[in-house]
Amino acid sequence: MDFTDGMQQASLPLGLSFGLAADEKALNNYGKLTEYEKEQLIAQSKSVKSKDEMQQLIQRVSDGESMM
């Protein structure tokens, strides 16, 4: 599955990829994000320092919270 959804030369950080793959609702909500929101989410995920922080970020996506 290609999580980049057409973004050129961009790839999801591994933790974000695994988190989305493990949470179907988060994955579905990720697919509904605009390109800008996806870029914001990727940027946020790159600053995550722990597994707990990544889980919180994935939970926000799962809950449908804004990425801005």
Protein backbone atom coordinates (compact mmCIF):
# COMPACT_ATOMS: atom_id res chain seq x y z
CA MET A 1 0.00 0.00 0.00
CA ASP A 2 1.34 3.43 -0.93
CA PHE A 3 0.78 5.85 1.95
CA THR A 4 2.35 8.74 0.05
CA ASP A 5 -0.80 9.02 -2.08
CA GLY A 6 0.96 10.67 -5.00
CA MET A 7 3.42 12.85 -3.11
CA GLN A 8 6.67 12.99 -5.01
CA GLN A 9 9.71 11.52 -3.27
CA ALA A 10 7.98 11.55 0.10
CA SER A 11 7.59 8.64 2.41
CA LEU A 12 6.01 8.22 5.78
CA PRO A 13 8.22 7.78 8.80
CA LEU A 14 8.27 4.16 9.89
CA GLY A 15 6.46 4.75 13.19
CA LEU A 16 3.66 6.62 11.45
CA SER A 17 3.34 3.90 8.82
CA PHE A 18 3.10 1.16 11.45
CA GLY A 19 0.69 3.21 13.53
CA LEU A 20 -1.65 3.79 10.61
CA ALA A 21 -1.43 0.15 9.55
CA ALA A 22 -2.41 -0.96 13.07
CA ASP A 23 -5.43 1.36 13.30
CA GLU A 24 -7.94 0.98 10.49
CA LYS A 25 -9.92 4.06 11.49
CA ALA A 26 -6.73 6.18 11.55
CA LEU A 27 -5.76 4.82 8.13
CA ASN A 28 -9.18 5.66 6.70
CA ASN A 29 -9.05 9.15 8.18
CA TYR A 30 -5.52 9.64 6.83
CA GLY A 31 -6.87 8.88 3.36
CA LYS A 32 -9.42 11.69 3.75
CA LEU A 33 -6.82 14.33 4.66
CA THR A 34 -5.86 17.00 2.16
CA GLU A 35 -2.31 16.94 0.82
CA TYR A 36 -1.46 19.87 3.07
CA GLU A 37 -2.84 18.06 6.14
CA LYS A 38 -0.85 14.95 5.23
CA GLU A 39 2.31 17.03 4.96
CA GLN A 40 1.57 18.57 8.37
CA LEU A 41 1.00 15.14 9.90
CA ILE A 42 4.26 13.82 8.46
CA ALA A 43 6.13 16.86 9.80
CA GLN A 44 4.59 16.34 13.24
CA SER A 45 5.47 12.65 13.21
CA LYS A 46 9.12 13.45 12.48
CA SER A 47 9.33 15.42 15.72
CA VAL A 48 7.90 12.62 17.86
CA LYS A 49 10.35 11.50 20.55
CA SER A 50 8.66 8.40 21.98
CA LYS A 51 6.31 5.53 21.23
CA ASP A 52 3.70 7.13 23.49
CA GLU A 53 3.85 10.40 21.54
CA MET A 54 3.40 8.50 18.27
CA GLN A 55 0.43 6.62 19.70
CA GLN A 56 -1.12 9.93 20.73
CA LEU A 57 -0.60 11.30 17.22
CA ILE A 58 -2.17 8.19 15.66
CA GLN A 59 -5.08 8.49 18.12
CA ARG A 60 -5.66 12.08 17.00
CA VAL A 61 -5.84 10.87 13.38
CA SER A 62 -8.16 8.04 14.41
CA ASP A 63 -10.40 10.52 16.24
CA GLY A 64 -10.51 12.72 13.15
CA GLU A 65 -8.84 15.72 14.79
CA SER A 66 -7.40 18.42 12.60
CA MET A 67 -3.72 18.15 11.74
CA MET A 68 -3.23 21.93 11.66
